[in-house]
Amino acid sequence: MLVRNYYHRAELNREWSDVWSAQCDDECPYCGARHMPPYRSKDAEECDDE
């Protein structure tokens, strides 16, 4: 099962999502900040293409 995780970088007011095999932290693609936890996760198969 794949999970689509949704992330928010408040300092930059930017959001992104990424598909992983689990709910896990990600690196901000805008500034490189590490260990960003997802604020929401969904089954990737239930999500529309994003």
C-alpha atoms as a PDB file:
ATOM      1  CA  MET A   1       0.000   0.000   0.000  1.00  0.00           C
ATOM      2  CA  LEU A   2       1.227   3.485  -0.835  1.00  0.00           C
ATOM      3  CA  VAL A   3       0.439   6.576   1.223  1.00  0.00           C
ATOM      4  CA  ARG A   4       0.169  10.160  -0.046  1.00  0.00           C
ATOM      5  CA  ASN A   5       1.535  12.434   2.681  1.00  0.00           C
ATOM      6  CA  TYR A   6       0.690  16.147   2.766  1.00  0.00           C
ATOM      7  CA  TYR A   7       3.195  18.624   4.181  1.00  0.00           C
ATOM      8  CA  HIS A   8       3.123  22.325   5.085  1.00  0.00           C
ATOM      9  CA  ARG A   9       6.100  24.626   5.673  1.00  0.00           C
ATOM     10  CA  ALA A  10       4.518  27.458   7.701  1.00  0.00           C
ATOM     11  CA  GLU A  11       7.559  29.746   7.519  1.00  0.00           C
ATOM     12  CA  LEU A  12       7.295  29.786   3.716  1.00  0.00           C
ATOM     13  CA  ASN A  13       3.522  29.294   3.487  1.00  0.00           C
ATOM     14  CA  ARG A  14       4.161  26.428   1.041  1.00  0.00           C
ATOM     15  CA  GLU A  15       2.583  22.986   0.768  1.00  0.00           C
ATOM     16  CA  TRP A  16       3.515  19.820  -1.095  1.00  0.00           C
ATOM     17  CA  SER A  17       2.613  16.156  -1.167  1.00  0.00           C
ATOM     18  CA  ASP A  18       4.610  13.037  -1.829  1.00  0.00           C
ATOM     19  CA  VAL A  19       3.900   9.321  -2.085  1.00  0.00           C
ATOM     20  CA  TRP A  20       5.704   6.954   0.262  1.00  0.00           C
ATOM     21  CA  SER A  21       5.276   3.401   1.474  1.00  0.00           C
ATOM     22  CA  ALA A  22       4.526   4.750   4.975  1.00  0.00           C
ATOM     23  CA  GLN A  23       3.641   7.918   6.844  1.00  0.00           C
ATOM     24  CA  CYS A  24       7.045   9.549   7.226  1.00  0.00           C
ATOM     25  CA  ASP A  25       8.841  12.871   7.490  1.00  0.00           C
ATOM     26  CA  ASP A  26      10.048  14.566   4.315  1.00  0.00           C
ATOM     27  CA  GLU A  27      12.507  17.257   3.254  1.00  0.00           C
ATOM     28  CA  CYS A  28      11.039  20.606   2.195  1.00  0.00           C
ATOM     29  CA  PRO A  29      11.612  20.949  -1.570  1.00  0.00           C
ATOM     30  CA  TYR A  30      11.599  24.753  -1.262  1.00  0.00           C
ATOM     31  CA  CYS A  31      14.222  25.344   1.439  1.00  0.00           C
ATOM     32  CA  GLY A  32      15.740  21.940   2.272  1.00  0.00           C
ATOM     33  CA  ALA A  33      14.477  21.846   5.873  1.00  0.00           C
ATOM     34  CA  ARG A  34      14.572  18.251   7.050  1.00  0.00           C
ATOM     35  CA  HIS A  35      12.290  16.091   9.191  1.00  0.00           C
ATOM     36  CA  MET A  36       9.044  17.811   8.173  1.00  0.00           C
ATOM     37  CA  PRO A  37       6.138  15.706   9.493  1.00  0.00           C
ATOM     38  CA  PRO A  38       3.009  15.269   7.376  1.00  0.00           C
ATOM     39  CA  TYR A  39      -0.129  17.022   8.577  1.00  0.00           C
ATOM     40  CA  ARG A  40      -2.330  14.511   6.730  1.00  0.00           C
ATOM     41  CA  SER A  41      -1.962  11.141   5.005  1.00  0.00           C
ATOM     42  CA  LYS A  42      -4.289   9.247   2.685  1.00  0.00           C
ATOM     43  CA  ASP A  43      -4.219   5.969   0.813  1.00  0.00           C
ATOM     44  CA  ALA A  44      -2.538   6.988  -2.450  1.00  0.00           C
ATOM     45  CA  GLU A  45      -4.837   4.743  -4.472  1.00  0.00           C
ATOM     46  CA  GLU A  46      -7.868   6.746  -3.264  1.00  0.00           C
ATOM     47  CA  CYS A  47      -6.308  10.104  -4.225  1.00  0.00           C
ATOM     48  CA  ASP A  48      -6.705  11.847  -7.541  1.00  0.00           C
ATOM     49  CA  ASP A  49      -3.540  12.488  -9.530  1.00  0.00           C
ATOM     50  CA  GLU A  50      -1.849  15.451  -7.829  1.00  0.00           C
END
